[in-house]
Protein backbone atom coordinates (compact mmCIF):
# COMPACT_ATOMS: atom_id res chain seq x y z
CA MET A 1 6.79 -1.59 18.38
CA LEU A 2 10.50 -2.16 17.70
CA VAL A 3 11.10 -0.40 14.94
CA ALA A 4 13.98 2.29 16.17
CA GLY A 5 17.10 2.22 13.91
CA LYS A 6 15.65 0.70 10.87
CA VAL A 7 15.17 2.10 7.73
CA ALA A 8 12.10 1.95 5.46
CA LEU A 9 11.39 2.85 2.02
CA ILE A 10 7.77 3.77 1.22
CA THR A 11 6.32 3.62 -1.92
CA GLY A 12 3.19 6.25 -2.40
CA ALA A 13 4.85 8.39 -0.18
CA ALA A 14 2.93 11.85 -0.98
CA GLY A 15 -0.37 10.02 -0.88
CA GLU A 16 -2.51 10.33 2.68
CA ILE A 17 -1.96 6.42 3.64
CA GLY A 18 1.63 6.91 2.72
CA ALA A 19 2.29 10.09 4.97
CA ALA A 20 0.71 8.38 8.00
CA ILE A 21 2.95 5.05 7.54
CA ALA A 22 6.09 7.80 7.23
CA ARG A 23 5.26 9.78 10.55
CA GLN A 24 4.11 6.23 12.09
CA LEU A 25 7.08 4.77 11.14
CA MET A 26 9.20 7.62 12.21
CA GLU A 27 7.39 8.10 16.00
CA GLY A 28 8.73 4.42 16.39
CA GLY A 29 12.51 5.77 15.81
CA ALA A 30 13.02 4.55 12.31
CA ARG A 31 14.54 6.64 9.60
CA VAL A 32 12.49 6.71 6.58
CA ALA A 33 13.18 7.31 2.45
CA LEU A 34 9.54 8.59 0.49
CA ALA A 35 9.23 7.76 -2.71
CA ASP A 36 6.86 9.09 -5.31
CA LYS A 37 6.06 10.72 -8.54
CA ASN A 38 4.84 13.66 -6.62
CA ILE A 39 8.15 15.32 -5.43
CA GLU A 40 6.96 18.25 -4.43
CA GLY A 41 4.49 16.81 -2.10
CA LEU A 42 7.52 14.19 -0.89
CA ARG A 43 9.12 16.91 0.38
CA GLU A 44 6.15 18.98 1.98
CA ILE A 45 5.65 15.83 4.11
CA ALA A 46 9.40 15.73 4.57
CA GLY A 47 9.23 18.95 5.99
CA GLY A 48 6.32 18.30 8.23
CA ILE A 49 7.08 15.10 9.84
CA GLY A 50 10.79 16.22 10.11
CA GLY A 51 13.84 14.55 11.05
CA ASP A 52 16.11 13.11 8.21
CA ALA A 53 13.72 11.98 5.72
CA THR A 54 14.86 11.74 2.26
CA CYS A 55 12.84 12.20 -1.01
CA HIS A 56 13.21 10.04 -4.09
CA GLU A 57 11.25 10.65 -7.32
CA CYS A 58 10.16 8.03 -8.27
CA ASP A 59 8.09 5.71 -10.83
CA VAL A 60 7.15 2.17 -9.69
CA SER A 61 5.87 0.92 -13.03
CA ASP A 62 9.35 1.25 -14.66
CA GLU A 63 12.33 -0.74 -13.77
CA GLN A 64 15.18 1.89 -14.09
CA SER A 65 13.24 4.11 -11.99
CA MET A 66 12.57 1.65 -9.60
CA LYS A 67 16.44 0.36 -9.48
CA LEU A 68 17.86 3.63 -8.69
CA THR A 69 15.53 4.88 -5.71
CA VAL A 70 16.26 1.68 -3.61
CA GLU A 71 19.83 2.14 -4.52
CA ALA A 72 19.83 6.12 -3.20
CA ALA A 73 17.77 5.38 -0.44
CA GLU A 74 20.61 2.85 0.66
CA MET A 75 23.04 4.96 -0.08
CA ALA A 76 21.19 8.06 1.94
CA HIS A 77 21.01 6.37 4.79
CA GLY A 78 23.29 3.56 4.92
CA ARG A 79 20.95 0.24 4.94
CA LEU A 80 17.41 -0.81 3.92
CA ASP A 81 15.68 -2.98 6.51
CA ILE A 82 11.51 -2.26 5.43
CA GLY A 83 9.88 -2.36 2.04
CA VAL A 84 6.21 -0.42 2.05
CA LEU A 85 5.04 -1.09 -0.78
CA ASN A 86 1.79 1.20 -0.89
CA ALA A 87 2.20 2.96 -3.99
CA GLY A 88 -1.01 2.32 -5.64
CA ILE A 89 -3.52 3.76 -8.46
CA SER A 90 -8.00 3.35 -9.45
CA ALA A 91 -10.30 4.58 -11.48
CA PRO A 92 -14.00 5.03 -11.55
CA ARG A 93 -16.34 2.17 -12.07
CA THR A 94 -16.68 0.64 -15.48
CA PRO A 95 -18.52 -2.33 -16.90
CA LEU A 96 -15.56 -4.61 -17.84
CA GLU A 97 -16.60 -4.61 -21.16
CA GLU A 98 -16.20 -0.82 -21.32
CA VAL A 99 -12.68 -0.85 -20.23
CA ASP A 100 -9.92 0.34 -22.79
CA VAL A 101 -6.69 -1.16 -23.06
CA THR A 102 -4.52 2.19 -21.53
CA THR A 103 -6.54 1.95 -18.22
CA TYR A 104 -6.26 -1.60 -17.84
CA ASP A 105 -2.41 -1.63 -18.52
CA ARG A 106 -2.26 1.89 -16.44
CA ILE A 107 -3.37 -0.03 -13.41
CA MET A 108 -1.53 -3.18 -13.62
CA ALA A 109 1.50 -0.81 -14.41
CA VAL A 110 1.29 0.74 -11.34
CA ASN A 111 -0.50 -1.64 -8.85
CA ALA A 112 0.85 -5.12 -9.95
CA ARG A 113 4.18 -4.30 -12.14
CA GLY A 114 4.82 -2.18 -9.16
CA VAL A 115 4.84 -4.15 -6.77
CA PHE A 116 7.07 -7.20 -8.48
CA LEU A 117 9.58 -4.45 -9.22
CA GLY A 118 9.53 -3.00 -5.82
CA LEU A 119 10.01 -6.42 -4.23
CA LYS A 120 12.50 -7.45 -7.17
CA HIS A 121 14.95 -4.44 -5.88
CA LEU A 122 14.38 -4.32 -2.62
CA PHE A 123 15.06 -8.03 -2.01
CA PRO A 124 19.34 -7.68 -2.10
CA ALA A 125 18.79 -4.69 0.34
CA LEU A 126 17.02 -6.34 2.63
CA LYS A 127 19.82 -9.41 2.39
CA ARG A 128 22.63 -7.25 2.86
CA GLN A 129 21.12 -6.55 6.21
CA GLY A 130 20.71 -10.52 7.15
CA GLY A 131 16.73 -9.90 6.81
CA GLY A 132 13.82 -7.18 6.80
CA SER A 133 10.16 -6.57 6.16
CA ILE A 134 7.66 -5.88 3.44
CA VAL A 135 4.26 -5.14 3.29
CA VAL A 136 2.48 -4.86 0.36
CA THR A 137 -0.55 -2.76 0.63
CA ALA A 138 -3.16 -3.94 -2.03
CA SER A 139 -7.25 -4.02 -1.17
CA THR A 140 -10.16 -6.14 -0.10
CA GLU A 141 -10.52 -5.64 -3.95
CA GLY A 142 -7.57 -8.48 -3.89
CA LEU A 143 -9.35 -11.16 -2.57
CA ARG A 144 -12.45 -11.16 -4.29
CA GLY A 145 -14.24 -9.68 -7.00
CA ASN A 146 -16.39 -6.26 -7.56
CA ALA A 147 -18.14 -5.44 -10.12
CA GLY A 148 -17.20 -2.12 -12.34
CA LEU A 149 -13.96 -2.68 -10.51
CA ALA A 150 -12.10 -5.62 -13.15
CA ALA A 151 -8.73 -3.91 -14.18
CA TYR A 152 -8.30 -2.39 -9.89
CA ALA A 153 -9.15 -5.65 -8.38
CA ALA A 154 -7.02 -7.63 -11.39
CA SER A 155 -4.24 -5.93 -10.00
CA LYS A 156 -4.79 -6.16 -6.32
CA HIS A 157 -5.00 -10.02 -7.11
CA ALA A 158 -1.47 -10.12 -8.49
CA ALA A 159 -0.38 -7.82 -5.11
CA VAL A 160 -1.51 -10.27 -3.14
CA ALA A 161 0.13 -13.30 -4.69
CA LEU A 162 3.62 -11.89 -5.97
CA SER A 163 3.26 -11.36 -1.73
CA LYS A 164 2.40 -14.88 -0.78
CA THR A 165 5.12 -16.02 -3.65
CA ALA A 166 8.15 -13.52 -2.39
CA ALA A 167 7.25 -14.39 1.48
CA ILE A 168 7.94 -18.14 0.54
CA GLU A 169 10.89 -17.84 -1.66
CA TRP A 170 12.41 -15.40 0.82
CA ALA A 171 11.44 -16.71 4.34
CA GLN A 172 15.46 -18.69 4.38
CA HIS A 173 16.84 -15.13 4.35
CA ASN A 174 14.92 -13.57 6.62
CA ILE A 175 12.82 -11.69 4.98
CA ARG A 176 9.03 -11.61 6.32
CA VAL A 177 6.66 -10.53 3.16
CA ASN A 178 2.80 -9.59 4.56
CA CYS A 179 0.30 -7.84 2.52
CA ILE A 180 -2.42 -5.63 3.62
CA ASN A 181 -5.86 -5.42 2.36
CA PRO A 182 -7.69 -2.19 3.45
CA GLY A 183 -11.39 -1.60 2.50
CA PRO A 184 -12.49 1.97 1.71
CA VAL A 185 -10.14 4.37 3.73
CA ASP A 186 -11.27 8.15 4.14
CA THR A 187 -8.78 9.63 1.86
CA ALA A 188 -8.58 11.84 -1.58
CA MET A 189 -8.94 8.62 -3.74
CA ILE A 190 -11.91 8.01 -1.97
CA ARG A 191 -12.65 11.45 -2.05
CA ALA A 192 -12.16 11.62 -5.73
CA LEU A 193 -14.40 8.68 -6.40
CA GLU A 194 -17.21 9.92 -4.85
CA GLN A 195 -17.18 13.63 -6.25
CA ALA A 196 -17.14 11.25 -9.86
CA SER A 197 -19.63 9.19 -8.69
CA ARG A 198 -21.86 12.59 -7.79
CA GLN A 199 -21.19 13.84 -11.19
CA ALA A 200 -22.34 10.54 -13.32
CA GLY A 201 -25.82 10.61 -11.33
CA THR A 202 -24.42 7.39 -9.92
CA ALA A 203 -25.19 6.24 -6.47
CA ASP A 204 -22.85 7.84 -3.75
CA VAL A 205 -19.48 6.29 -2.89
CA ARG A 206 -19.27 6.85 0.91
CA GLU A 207 -23.06 5.95 1.94
CA ARG A 208 -23.13 2.68 -0.06
CA GLY A 209 -19.58 1.77 1.07
CA VAL A 210 -21.10 2.53 4.87
CA SER A 211 -23.84 0.32 3.98
CA ILE A 212 -21.76 -2.67 3.82
CA ILE A 213 -18.98 -2.15 6.51
CA PRO A 214 -20.52 -3.42 10.13
CA MET A 215 -18.49 -0.54 11.83
CA LYS A 216 -20.64 1.57 10.05
CA ARG A 217 -17.20 4.09 8.53
CA PHE A 218 -14.61 4.28 6.94
CA ALA A 219 -10.89 3.88 7.76
CA THR A 220 -8.50 6.13 8.84
CA ALA A 221 -5.37 6.58 7.25
CA GLU A 222 -3.73 6.81 10.37
CA GLU A 223 -5.41 3.08 11.70
CA ILE A 224 -3.54 1.81 8.34
CA ALA A 225 -0.44 3.25 9.26
CA LYS A 226 -0.75 1.54 12.84
CA PHE A 227 -1.30 -1.51 11.60
CA VAL A 228 1.72 -1.16 8.80
CA ARG A 229 4.03 -0.57 11.66
CA PHE A 230 3.30 -3.02 13.79
CA LEU A 231 3.56 -5.68 10.70
CA THR A 232 7.41 -4.02 9.74
CA SER A 233 8.46 -4.35 14.05
CA ASP A 234 9.72 -6.98 15.44
CA ASP A 235 6.78 -7.56 17.20
CA ALA A 236 5.51 -9.79 14.57
CA SER A 237 8.63 -11.79 13.58
CA TYR A 238 6.62 -14.96 13.33
CA SER A 239 4.26 -13.52 10.13
CA THR A 240 5.20 -13.67 6.57
CA GLY A 241 2.91 -14.69 3.83
CA ALA A 242 0.08 -13.11 5.47
CA THR A 243 -3.10 -11.11 4.27
CA TYR A 244 -4.75 -9.02 6.34
CA LEU A 245 -8.06 -6.99 6.14
CA LEU A 246 -8.44 -3.69 7.64
CA ASP A 247 -11.70 -2.99 6.63
CA GLY A 248 -14.43 -2.69 9.70
CA GLY A 249 -15.71 -6.52 9.17
CA MET A 250 -16.59 -5.78 5.28
CA LEU A 251 -15.55 -9.30 4.06
CA ALA A 252 -16.80 -11.56 7.10
CA GLY A 253 -19.66 -12.03 5.42
CA LYS A 254 -22.71 -10.33 4.31
CA MET A 255 -25.32 -8.10 7.05
CA ALA A 256 -28.41 -8.93 7.97
CA LEU A 257 -31.06 -6.36 6.42
CA ASP A 258 -32.80 -5.92 9.75
CA LYS A 259 -31.57 -5.41 13.62
CA PHE A 260 -31.57 -8.47 15.44
């Protein structure tokens, strides 16, 4: 997969999926700029993957922070060819009528506003190179409703819509924008939700999730990262404006109750 010589900015890079994406792109010969609020986490990841990865403290929900991060990454590496807008947060399941405005605004700020700001400020950098590729990490909840996840689902629907709109507007500039929509991924975020559910005495998150996934398991961060590497590569040169499900078949349809 052709990413050699390219430079990628990855947000949410201190998380397991972001770190896996960084490793995959570097293995393909790309250079990476890692962005996250957790600067110490970034430094640890950069030390682990080696190379000339740079670390950038960034609040994706803040326009000035996002703008300065893109500028710093471009200055450090001399160019930007790839953007991976992967930063995201979630919250425990809560009925819509019980969701407080502060929680709603916080989720929308990171998951939706963060994607908007990332797209906005990556555009001029990629345009200067004559094109590039952006991948937005959304979720299966960006393609459906889900009880108890009103704010999260709303934010991920926004991420999908922003990706499609940018793809249409920027095709003339040779900038491709695609969106991945993972189902459950075995990460610290999922494990935290599992623990919160157990403490609340509600249904087990993993057991419930696996029960509706035909492949009967959660994805790994590496599986997500390998697909991102493909989408950002020249091998995916005719793909833009697409939403890709990485959910083990979960949204393909309702599973049969009995074996057949």
